[in-house]
Amino acid sequence: MKIIILGAGQVGASVAESLVSEANDITIVDTDASRLALLQDRLDLRTVTGNASSPSVLQQAGADDADLLIAVTQSDQTNLCACKTAHALFNLPTRIARVRSTDYADYPGLFDAANFAVDFSICPEQIVTDYIVKLIEFPEALQVLEFADGLVSLVAVRAFEGGPLVGHPLKDIRKHIPQVDARIAAIFRRDTPVTPEGDTVIEAGDEVFCLAATKDIRRVMRELRRMDKAVKRIMIAGGGNIGHRVVRAIEGDYQVKVIDRNKRHAEWLAENVRNALVLQGDATDEKLLDEENVDQMDLFLALTNDDENNIMAALLAKRMGAKRVAALINRRAYADLVQGGQIDIAISPAQTSIGTLLAHVRRGDVAAVHSLRRGAAEALELVVHGDEKSSQVVGRRIEQLPVIKGATIGAIVRRVQPKERPAFTEDPDSVPEYKVIMAHHDTVIRAEDHVIVFVVSKRLVPKVEKLFSVGVGFL
């Protein structure tokens, strides 16, 4: 696929790195020549220096025969203008724009073909905010992801010494929670993937990915680690774009304190939140944290724009007694360095939001993509099409499918057919339209199933896509 990426910032660079590894033809455009040079030195891609919305620059980037435009510059106006130009002058088939301002979201008609011609709009800041809110709801988790409109959840936890399943094979999970059907989708032991099989024994310290119906996921997590008390008190360092969004999302349910260094911004923040307490100061100031009782905080979130400040503030808060700390870290090398140490969770904004983009890039019908372990692995939700003649998977049991080592089918979400529904029910509206099926060796895949696949390495994604693709004869 020929793809043009506008903007070589954190999001653009992460998207380019992910897509280049999958044999796509990538051209990236930015006004900063030095930033482009650094990308070109480490990635196999083409670069163009110039204004991303300029017709001549887009033409130079190959808009005439490109398949996809991803506009992720820092400017909403540039991204929208670029999409309009690409549509009007080059008839570029698919256009994705990063739109940070909430004003545009209030007028969705602006994205129509007659206006800005944006096929899909994303807001990385809002995606990261939603991700952080999920982590607050599941304080024991390292990562919380949803599929099939929230029917299925994939949660990563660190197994602890003494957990009911720790030291036991995976097949024992049914004995511990017989009423719940769940899958261990993957295990990472000392950063090395371990294939989850019935006889695989979970060890303390393993990073375990559990897949289950969302309503059952907490019961599965209890088998692997102690369930922390529900979060009540939260301190946030940084009231910027993400920090402010997080405050607005959680202040009605939690006791929230926000620390912002900039006096003018802190005053603005105080006027634009409802219940949170806003403090002006430095989150790495030990005296300030002590005065504001950081030791009583259930969760400390470092969400400034500075990686080093976030790391130092989180480490300090942990040392002073905060029960759990998380830091927003843009540089992946930093995130890999601190994750699992004194900092409980390192949040990578680019890797968190990249899945939304990848869902529109993947071949075949991909409903969702989630980047795992800071981009090393992926979980995909694929929609099955075709019939037994045109598809390699339709009508076949999972044990009959070609084996892709490192890829695991975890669950299937299937629409409930009318004949499968109860004939009589007190409340017909309460009967679910979809059911969650945990994948086993004898599970048969049907057309239109949503199949959730976990891959331990992104290199396996093309093989998975090929397996689920439909033959050319299918109409």
Protein backbone atom coordinates (compact mmCIF):
# COMPACT_ATOMS: atom_id res chain seq x y z
CA MET A 1 0.00 0.00 0.00
CA LYS A 2 1.26 3.48 -0.88
CA ILE A 3 0.81 5.76 2.14
CA ILE A 4 1.55 9.45 2.69
CA ILE A 5 1.99 10.58 6.30
CA LEU A 6 1.81 14.31 7.01
CA GLY A 7 3.68 15.27 10.18
CA ALA A 8 6.83 13.68 11.59
CA GLY A 9 6.03 14.26 15.26
CA GLN A 10 5.53 11.52 17.85
CA VAL A 11 2.33 10.18 16.26
CA GLY A 12 3.54 10.44 12.67
CA ALA A 13 6.90 8.85 13.43
CA SER A 14 5.29 5.98 15.35
CA VAL A 15 2.81 5.32 12.53
CA ALA A 16 5.64 5.38 9.98
CA GLU A 17 7.74 2.97 12.05
CA SER A 18 4.84 0.56 12.41
CA LEU A 19 3.79 0.62 8.74
CA VAL A 20 7.30 0.50 7.24
CA SER A 21 7.88 -2.84 8.95
CA GLU A 22 4.92 -4.26 7.02
CA ALA A 23 6.36 -3.62 3.57
CA ASN A 24 4.29 -0.52 2.79
CA ASP A 25 5.56 2.27 0.53
CA ILE A 26 5.77 5.21 2.95
CA THR A 27 6.38 8.91 2.26
CA ILE A 28 6.46 11.30 5.22
CA VAL A 29 6.10 15.08 4.93
CA ASP A 30 7.19 17.72 7.45
CA THR A 31 8.57 21.26 7.53
CA ASP A 32 11.46 20.18 9.77
CA ALA A 33 14.19 18.78 7.51
CA SER A 34 16.39 17.65 10.42
CA ARG A 35 13.57 15.61 11.93
CA LEU A 36 12.94 13.96 8.56
CA ALA A 37 16.65 13.20 8.18
CA LEU A 38 16.68 11.36 11.52
CA LEU A 39 13.68 9.27 10.44
CA GLN A 40 15.21 8.47 7.06
CA ASP A 41 18.43 7.33 8.73
CA ARG A 42 16.65 4.57 10.66
CA LEU A 43 13.63 3.73 8.51
CA ASP A 44 13.20 2.66 4.88
CA LEU A 45 10.96 5.50 3.70
CA ARG A 46 10.86 8.58 1.52
CA THR A 47 10.74 12.12 2.92
CA VAL A 48 9.52 15.43 1.53
CA THR A 49 10.22 18.77 3.21
CA GLY A 50 7.45 21.36 2.95
CA ASN A 51 3.99 22.54 3.95
CA ALA A 52 1.80 19.44 4.27
CA SER A 53 -1.31 21.14 2.84
CA SER A 54 0.42 22.59 -0.23
CA PRO A 55 -0.73 21.03 -3.54
CA SER A 56 2.81 21.01 -4.94
CA VAL A 57 4.19 19.29 -1.82
CA LEU A 58 1.42 16.67 -1.91
CA GLN A 59 2.14 16.06 -5.58
CA GLN A 60 5.84 15.70 -4.81
CA ALA A 61 4.93 13.18 -2.10
CA GLY A 62 3.08 11.07 -4.67
CA ALA A 63 -0.56 11.97 -4.02
CA ASP A 64 -1.40 11.16 -7.66
CA ASP A 65 -1.29 7.42 -7.06
CA ALA A 66 -1.31 7.10 -3.25
CA ASP A 67 -3.81 4.79 -1.53
CA LEU A 68 -3.99 6.50 1.86
CA LEU A 69 -3.30 9.91 3.38
CA ILE A 70 -2.70 10.18 7.15
CA ALA A 71 -2.61 13.85 8.23
CA VAL A 72 -1.26 13.99 11.80
CA THR A 73 0.51 17.36 12.02
CA GLN A 74 0.10 19.49 15.15
CA SER A 75 -2.28 21.82 13.28
CA ASP A 76 -5.95 20.86 12.81
CA GLN A 77 -6.25 23.41 10.03
CA THR A 78 -3.30 21.95 8.11
CA ASN A 79 -4.67 18.42 8.45
CA LEU A 80 -8.15 19.38 7.28
CA CYS A 81 -6.88 21.48 4.40
CA ALA A 82 -4.56 18.66 3.30
CA CYS A 83 -7.46 16.19 3.20
CA LYS A 84 -9.57 18.58 1.14
CA THR A 85 -6.72 19.24 -1.28
CA ALA A 86 -5.92 15.53 -1.62
CA HIS A 87 -9.57 14.80 -2.41
CA ALA A 88 -10.22 17.71 -4.78
CA LEU A 89 -6.98 17.67 -6.78
CA PHE A 90 -5.74 14.09 -6.59
CA ASN A 91 -8.86 12.05 -5.81
CA LEU A 92 -6.85 10.24 -3.15
CA PRO A 93 -9.09 7.33 -2.01
CA THR A 94 -8.82 7.38 1.81
CA ARG A 95 -8.01 10.35 4.03
CA ILE A 96 -7.48 10.31 7.81
CA ALA A 97 -7.03 13.51 9.82
CA ARG A 98 -5.88 14.19 13.34
CA VAL A 99 -8.34 16.70 14.83
CA ARG A 100 -7.55 17.88 18.35
CA SER A 101 -10.14 20.62 18.80
CA THR A 102 -13.48 19.51 20.22
CA ASP A 103 -15.20 22.31 18.24
CA TYR A 104 -14.98 20.33 14.99
CA ALA A 105 -16.50 17.24 16.64
CA ASP A 106 -19.67 19.26 17.34
CA TYR A 107 -20.19 19.71 13.58
CA PRO A 108 -19.57 16.25 12.00
CA GLY A 109 -20.99 17.47 8.69
CA LEU A 110 -17.77 19.43 8.19
CA PHE A 111 -15.98 16.16 7.41
CA ASP A 112 -18.26 15.24 4.50
CA ALA A 113 -16.87 14.96 0.97
CA ALA A 114 -18.46 18.30 0.07
CA ASN A 115 -16.52 20.03 2.88
CA PHE A 116 -13.17 18.87 4.30
CA ALA A 117 -13.47 15.36 2.80
CA VAL A 118 -12.18 13.49 5.87
CA ASP A 119 -13.02 9.78 5.85
CA PHE A 120 -11.89 9.18 9.43
CA SER A 121 -10.91 11.64 12.15
CA ILE A 122 -8.89 10.76 15.24
CA CYS A 123 -7.94 12.65 18.38
CA PRO A 124 -4.90 10.96 20.01
CA GLU A 125 -5.35 13.02 23.17
CA GLN A 126 -8.89 11.72 23.65
CA ILE A 127 -7.81 8.14 22.91
CA VAL A 128 -5.08 8.41 25.58
CA THR A 129 -7.60 9.95 28.00
CA ASP A 130 -10.02 7.05 27.52
CA TYR A 131 -7.13 4.63 28.02
CA ILE A 132 -6.10 6.28 31.30
CA VAL A 133 -9.70 6.26 32.57
CA LYS A 134 -9.80 2.48 31.96
CA LEU A 135 -6.58 2.04 33.94
CA ILE A 136 -8.17 3.94 36.82
CA GLU A 137 -11.16 1.57 36.75
CA PHE A 138 -8.78 -1.45 36.83
CA PRO A 139 -5.97 -0.32 39.17
CA GLU A 140 -4.32 -3.76 39.13
CA ALA A 141 -3.87 -3.79 35.35
CA LEU A 142 -0.92 -2.80 33.19
CA GLN A 143 -3.15 -2.43 30.14
CA VAL A 144 -6.91 -2.54 29.56
CA LEU A 145 -8.32 -2.89 26.04
CA GLU A 146 -11.82 -3.47 24.68
CA PHE A 147 -13.17 -5.20 21.60
CA ALA A 148 -16.57 -5.58 19.95
CA ASP A 149 -17.97 -2.35 21.38
CA GLY A 150 -16.92 -3.28 24.91
CA LEU A 151 -18.26 -6.86 25.00
CA VAL A 152 -14.77 -8.38 25.32
CA SER A 153 -11.84 -7.09 27.38
CA LEU A 154 -8.14 -7.90 27.19
CA VAL A 155 -6.31 -7.07 30.41
CA ALA A 156 -2.58 -7.35 31.11
CA VAL A 157 -1.59 -8.03 34.73
CA ARG A 158 1.62 -8.89 36.58
CA ALA A 159 1.19 -12.27 38.30
CA PHE A 160 2.10 -12.12 41.99
CA GLU A 161 3.57 -14.68 44.38
CA GLY A 162 0.73 -16.52 46.07
CA GLY A 163 -1.90 -15.91 43.42
CA PRO A 164 -4.36 -18.84 43.04
CA LEU A 165 -3.10 -19.72 39.56
CA VAL A 166 0.59 -18.90 40.07
CA GLY A 167 2.59 -22.13 40.10
CA HIS A 168 -0.24 -24.04 38.44
CA PRO A 169 -0.87 -24.99 34.79
CA LEU A 170 -3.31 -22.93 32.75
CA LYS A 171 -5.75 -25.84 32.43
CA ASP A 172 -6.52 -25.38 36.14
CA ILE A 173 -8.25 -22.07 35.46
CA ARG A 174 -11.52 -23.93 34.80
CA LYS A 175 -11.30 -25.60 38.22
CA HIS A 176 -10.85 -22.24 39.96
CA ILE A 177 -13.60 -20.37 38.12
CA PRO A 178 -15.82 -23.04 36.53
CA GLN A 179 -18.65 -20.59 35.75
CA VAL A 180 -16.39 -18.31 33.69
CA ASP A 181 -14.94 -19.09 30.28
CA ALA A 182 -11.68 -17.21 29.77
CA ARG A 183 -8.46 -17.44 27.80
CA ILE A 184 -4.89 -16.58 28.65
CA ALA A 185 -4.03 -15.01 25.30
CA ALA A 186 -0.30 -14.56 25.93
CA ILE A 187 2.39 -14.68 28.59
CA PHE A 188 5.60 -12.66 28.61
CA ARG A 189 8.30 -13.89 30.97
CA ARG A 190 11.31 -11.60 31.37
CA ASP A 191 10.25 -9.89 28.10
CA THR A 192 10.20 -13.20 26.21
CA PRO A 193 6.88 -14.59 24.88
CA VAL A 194 5.78 -17.96 26.28
CA THR A 195 3.20 -19.92 24.26
CA PRO A 196 0.12 -20.39 26.48
CA GLU A 197 -0.85 -24.07 26.47
CA GLY A 198 -2.77 -26.21 28.92
CA ASP A 199 0.37 -27.39 30.71
CA THR A 200 2.05 -23.95 30.79
CA VAL A 201 2.76 -22.97 34.40
CA ILE A 202 2.37 -19.31 35.38
CA GLU A 203 5.26 -17.88 37.40
CA ALA A 204 5.32 -14.89 39.71
CA GLY A 205 6.34 -11.80 37.75
CA ASP A 206 4.90 -13.03 34.45
CA GLU A 207 3.06 -10.43 32.36
CA VAL A 208 -0.19 -12.23 31.59
CA PHE A 209 -2.79 -11.14 29.02
CA CYS A 210 -6.29 -12.34 30.00
CA LEU A 211 -9.17 -12.33 27.55
CA ALA A 212 -12.77 -12.69 28.70
CA ALA A 213 -16.21 -11.22 28.40
CA THR A 214 -16.03 -7.77 30.00
CA LYS A 215 -18.56 -8.76 32.67
CA ASP A 216 -16.25 -11.62 33.80
CA ILE A 217 -12.81 -10.03 33.50
CA ARG A 218 -12.42 -9.05 37.17
CA ARG A 219 -13.01 -12.63 38.32
CA VAL A 220 -10.26 -13.82 35.98
CA MET A 221 -7.86 -11.15 37.25
CA ARG A 222 -8.37 -12.29 40.85
CA GLU A 223 -6.79 -15.62 39.94
CA LEU A 224 -3.51 -13.90 39.07
CA ARG A 225 -3.05 -11.07 41.55
CA ARG A 226 -4.46 -9.37 44.58
CA MET A 227 -7.31 -7.03 43.72
CA ASP A 228 -6.38 -3.55 44.86
CA LYS A 229 -8.88 -1.37 46.66
CA ALA A 230 -10.91 0.85 44.39
CA VAL A 231 -9.20 4.14 43.58
CA LYS A 232 -10.58 7.16 45.44
CA ARG A 233 -7.84 9.79 45.60
CA ILE A 234 -5.87 10.81 42.51
CA MET A 235 -3.13 13.39 42.03
CA ILE A 236 -2.30 14.57 38.51
CA ALA A 237 0.89 16.36 37.51
CA GLY A 238 0.20 18.51 34.44
CA GLY A 239 -3.02 20.16 33.37
CA GLY A 240 -2.30 20.34 29.66
CA ASN A 241 -4.36 18.87 26.85
CA ILE A 242 -4.37 15.30 28.19
CA GLY A 243 -4.29 16.25 31.87
CA HIS A 244 -7.28 18.55 31.50
CA ARG A 245 -9.26 15.90 29.58
CA VAL A 246 -8.53 13.29 32.25
CA VAL A 247 -9.62 15.66 35.04
CA ARG A 248 -12.90 16.43 33.28
CA ALA A 249 -13.53 12.71 32.74
CA ILE A 250 -12.92 11.58 36.34
CA GLU A 251 -13.55 14.51 38.70
CA GLY A 252 -17.18 13.52 39.24
CA ASP A 253 -16.22 10.08 40.60
CA TYR A 254 -12.89 10.65 42.38
CA GLN A 255 -11.14 13.13 44.66
CA VAL A 256 -8.74 14.83 42.25
CA LYS A 257 -5.83 17.23 42.77
CA VAL A 258 -4.03 18.78 39.78
CA ILE A 259 -0.58 20.39 39.89
CA ASP A 260 0.44 22.71 37.06
CA ARG A 261 3.66 24.71 36.92
CA ASN A 262 2.36 27.59 34.80
CA LYS A 263 0.49 30.13 36.95
CA ARG A 264 -1.67 31.49 34.12
CA HIS A 265 -2.63 28.03 32.95
CA ALA A 266 -3.36 26.91 36.52
CA GLU A 267 -5.76 29.85 36.88
CA TRP A 268 -7.44 28.93 33.60
CA LEU A 269 -7.67 25.31 34.71
CA ALA A 270 -9.28 26.28 38.02
CA GLU A 271 -12.00 28.09 36.09
CA ASN A 272 -12.61 25.17 33.73
CA VAL A 273 -12.94 22.22 36.13
CA ARG A 274 -15.85 21.51 38.42
CA ASN A 275 -14.71 19.59 41.48
CA ALA A 276 -10.94 19.13 41.19
CA LEU A 277 -8.51 21.11 43.35
CA VAL A 278 -5.98 22.97 41.18
CA LEU A 279 -2.54 23.78 42.59
CA GLN A 280 0.14 25.95 41.01
CA GLY A 281 3.59 24.50 41.52
CA ASP A 282 6.24 21.98 40.48
CA ALA A 283 5.26 18.30 40.69
CA THR A 284 8.91 17.42 41.44
CA ASP A 285 8.86 19.68 44.52
CA GLU A 286 9.14 17.30 47.47
CA LYS A 287 7.79 19.88 49.92
CA LEU A 288 4.67 20.54 47.80
CA LEU A 289 3.92 16.83 47.43
CA ASP A 290 4.33 16.34 51.17
CA GLU A 291 2.01 19.24 51.97
CA GLU A 292 -0.62 17.84 49.61
CA ASN A 293 -0.43 14.37 51.20
CA VAL A 294 0.88 12.44 48.23
CA ASP A 295 1.31 9.45 50.57
CA GLN A 296 -2.49 9.21 50.80
CA MET A 297 -2.98 9.05 47.04
CA ASP A 298 -4.24 5.82 45.50
CA LEU A 299 -2.89 6.88 42.13
CA PHE A 300 -0.39 9.50 40.94
CA LEU A 301 -0.49 10.40 37.22
CA ALA A 302 2.39 12.35 35.66
CA LEU A 303 0.91 13.81 32.46
CA THR A 304 3.08 16.80 31.56
CA ASN A 305 4.67 17.27 28.12
CA ASP A 306 8.17 16.53 29.49
CA ASP A 307 9.26 12.88 29.72
CA GLU A 308 12.03 13.56 32.23
CA ASN A 309 9.74 15.56 34.51
CA ASN A 310 7.11 12.85 34.36
CA ILE A 311 9.62 10.15 35.26
CA MET A 312 11.10 12.16 38.14
CA ALA A 313 7.69 13.23 39.50
CA ALA A 314 6.39 9.65 39.39
CA LEU A 315 9.50 8.24 41.06
CA LEU A 316 9.34 10.89 43.77
CA ALA A 317 5.63 10.31 44.38
CA LYS A 318 6.25 6.56 44.68
CA ARG A 319 9.10 7.04 47.13
CA MET A 320 6.93 9.36 49.22
CA GLY A 321 4.17 6.78 49.55
CA ALA A 322 1.75 7.01 46.58
CA LYS A 323 0.28 3.51 46.19
CA ARG A 324 0.49 3.39 42.39
CA VAL A 325 2.12 5.73 39.88
CA ALA A 326 1.88 6.09 36.11
CA ALA A 327 3.85 8.35 33.79
CA LEU A 328 3.18 9.59 30.28
CA ILE A 329 6.39 8.89 28.33
CA ASN A 330 6.80 9.67 24.64
CA ARG A 331 10.24 8.14 24.09
CA ARG A 332 9.83 4.38 23.81
CA ALA A 333 13.35 3.72 25.09
CA TYR A 334 12.46 5.55 28.31
CA ALA A 335 9.16 3.68 28.62
CA ASP A 336 10.88 0.29 28.24
CA LEU A 337 13.48 1.35 30.80
CA VAL A 338 11.11 2.35 33.61
CA GLN A 339 8.09 0.03 33.10
CA GLY A 340 7.83 -2.54 35.87
CA GLY A 341 10.29 -0.81 38.19
CA GLN A 342 9.32 1.90 40.64
CA ILE A 343 6.96 3.29 38.00
CA ASP A 344 4.00 0.92 37.76
CA ILE A 345 2.79 1.93 34.29
CA ALA A 346 4.56 3.79 31.49
CA ILE A 347 1.97 5.19 29.06
CA SER A 348 3.13 5.76 25.49
CA PRO A 349 0.73 8.25 23.82
CA ALA A 350 1.73 7.32 20.29
CA GLN A 351 1.48 3.56 20.85
CA THR A 352 -1.82 3.97 22.68
CA SER A 353 -3.46 5.88 19.85
CA ILE A 354 -1.83 4.14 16.90
CA GLY A 355 -4.31 1.25 16.93
CA THR A 356 -7.12 3.50 15.73
CA LEU A 357 -5.05 4.40 12.69
CA LEU A 358 -3.91 0.85 12.04
CA ALA A 359 -7.50 -0.40 11.94
CA HIS A 360 -7.97 1.69 8.76
CA VAL A 361 -4.70 0.54 7.22
CA ARG A 362 -4.84 -3.19 7.76
CA ARG A 363 -5.85 -5.32 4.81
CA GLY A 364 -9.20 -7.05 5.06
CA ASP A 365 -12.03 -6.06 7.37
CA VAL A 366 -10.34 -5.09 10.64
CA ALA A 367 -12.69 -3.65 13.25
CA ALA A 368 -10.03 -2.83 15.86
CA VAL A 369 -6.27 -2.95 16.40
CA HIS A 370 -4.57 -2.51 19.75
CA SER A 371 -0.84 -2.03 20.14
CA LEU A 372 0.52 -4.05 23.07
CA ARG A 373 3.71 -3.91 25.09
CA ARG A 374 4.57 -0.51 23.62
CA GLY A 375 4.29 -1.67 20.01
CA ALA A 376 6.00 -5.07 20.22
CA ALA A 377 2.76 -7.09 19.96
CA GLU A 378 -0.76 -6.54 18.66
CA ALA A 379 -4.32 -7.67 19.19
CA LEU A 380 -6.67 -7.52 16.21
CA GLU A 381 -10.42 -7.82 15.83
CA LEU A 382 -11.07 -9.26 12.36
CA VAL A 383 -14.48 -9.62 10.74
CA VAL A 384 -14.83 -12.91 8.86
CA HIS A 385 -16.29 -12.81 5.36
CA GLY A 386 -16.84 -15.32 2.60
CA ASP A 387 -17.97 -18.92 2.58
CA GLU A 388 -16.34 -22.33 2.84
CA LYS A 389 -15.08 -22.10 -0.74
CA SER A 390 -13.68 -18.58 -0.71
CA SER A 391 -12.38 -18.46 2.88
CA GLN A 392 -9.69 -20.49 4.64
CA VAL A 393 -11.45 -20.14 8.00
CA VAL A 394 -15.24 -20.21 7.47
CA GLY A 395 -16.82 -23.52 8.52
CA ARG A 396 -13.57 -24.84 9.95
CA ARG A 397 -12.62 -25.73 13.51
CA ILE A 398 -9.75 -23.74 14.98
CA GLU A 399 -7.65 -26.92 15.19
CA GLN A 400 -8.01 -27.28 11.39
CA LEU A 401 -6.55 -23.85 10.62
CA PRO A 402 -2.94 -23.43 9.48
CA VAL A 403 -0.71 -22.91 12.50
CA ILE A 404 0.88 -19.47 12.79
CA LYS A 405 3.38 -19.78 15.63
CA GLY A 406 2.99 -16.78 17.94
CA ALA A 407 -0.60 -16.04 16.89
CA THR A 408 -3.51 -17.06 19.12
CA ILE A 409 -7.25 -16.88 18.44
CA GLY A 410 -8.62 -15.80 21.79
CA ALA A 411 -12.33 -15.17 21.37
CA ILE A 412 -15.18 -14.88 18.90
CA VAL A 413 -18.08 -12.45 19.07
CA ARG A 414 -21.06 -13.80 17.18
CA ARG A 415 -24.44 -12.32 16.38
CA VAL A 416 -27.22 -14.30 18.04
CA GLN A 417 -29.58 -15.68 15.43
CA PRO A 418 -33.35 -15.41 16.15
CA LYS A 419 -33.68 -19.19 16.52
CA GLU A 420 -30.94 -19.16 19.18
CA ARG A 421 -32.84 -16.69 21.36
CA PRO A 422 -35.22 -17.79 24.10
CA ALA A 423 -38.80 -18.15 22.88
CA PHE A 424 -40.21 -16.49 25.97
CA THR A 425 -38.62 -13.80 28.07
CA GLU A 426 -39.96 -11.21 30.47
CA ASP A 427 -37.95 -8.50 28.78
CA PRO A 428 -37.19 -9.21 25.09
CA ASP A 429 -34.99 -6.13 24.90
CA SER A 430 -32.65 -7.64 27.50
CA VAL A 431 -31.69 -10.55 25.23
CA PRO A 432 -28.22 -9.76 23.85
CA GLU A 433 -27.80 -9.46 20.12
CA TYR A 434 -24.25 -10.81 20.36
CA LYS A 435 -22.61 -13.54 22.40
CA VAL A 436 -18.97 -13.96 23.41
CA ILE A 437 -17.40 -17.35 22.69
CA MET A 438 -13.98 -18.17 24.11
CA ALA A 439 -12.03 -19.94 21.39
CA HIS A 440 -11.22 -23.64 21.87
CA HIS A 441 -9.72 -26.21 19.51
CA ASP A 442 -13.15 -27.43 18.37
CA THR A 443 -14.77 -23.99 17.96
CA VAL A 444 -16.11 -23.54 14.42
CA ILE A 445 -15.74 -20.12 12.79
CA ARG A 446 -18.72 -18.71 10.91
CA ALA A 447 -19.07 -15.90 8.39
CA GLU A 448 -19.52 -12.47 9.99
CA ASP A 449 -17.89 -13.58 13.25
CA HIS A 450 -15.64 -11.02 14.94
CA VAL A 451 -12.47 -12.97 15.73
CA ILE A 452 -9.97 -11.58 18.25
CA VAL A 453 -6.40 -12.61 17.47
CA PHE A 454 -3.32 -11.94 19.61
CA VAL A 455 0.11 -11.85 17.92
CA VAL A 456 3.32 -11.72 19.97
CA SER A 457 5.15 -9.92 17.16
CA LYS A 458 3.93 -7.42 14.56
CA ARG A 459 5.84 -9.40 11.93
CA LEU A 460 3.08 -12.00 12.11
CA VAL A 461 0.29 -9.58 11.18
CA PRO A 462 0.55 -10.06 7.36
CA LYS A 463 0.25 -13.85 7.82
CA VAL A 464 -2.87 -13.42 9.97
CA GLU A 465 -4.39 -10.99 7.47
CA LYS A 466 -3.73 -13.44 4.63
CA LEU A 467 -5.35 -16.29 6.58
CA PHE A 468 -8.55 -14.29 7.08
CA SER A 469 -8.66 -12.75 3.60
CA VAL A 470 -11.32 -13.75 1.08
CA GLY A 471 -10.52 -15.32 -2.26
CA VAL A 472 -10.86 -13.22 -5.41
CA GLY A 473 -13.92 -15.20 -6.51
CA PHE A 474 -16.03 -14.04 -3.58
CA LEU A 475 -18.53 -11.24 -4.33
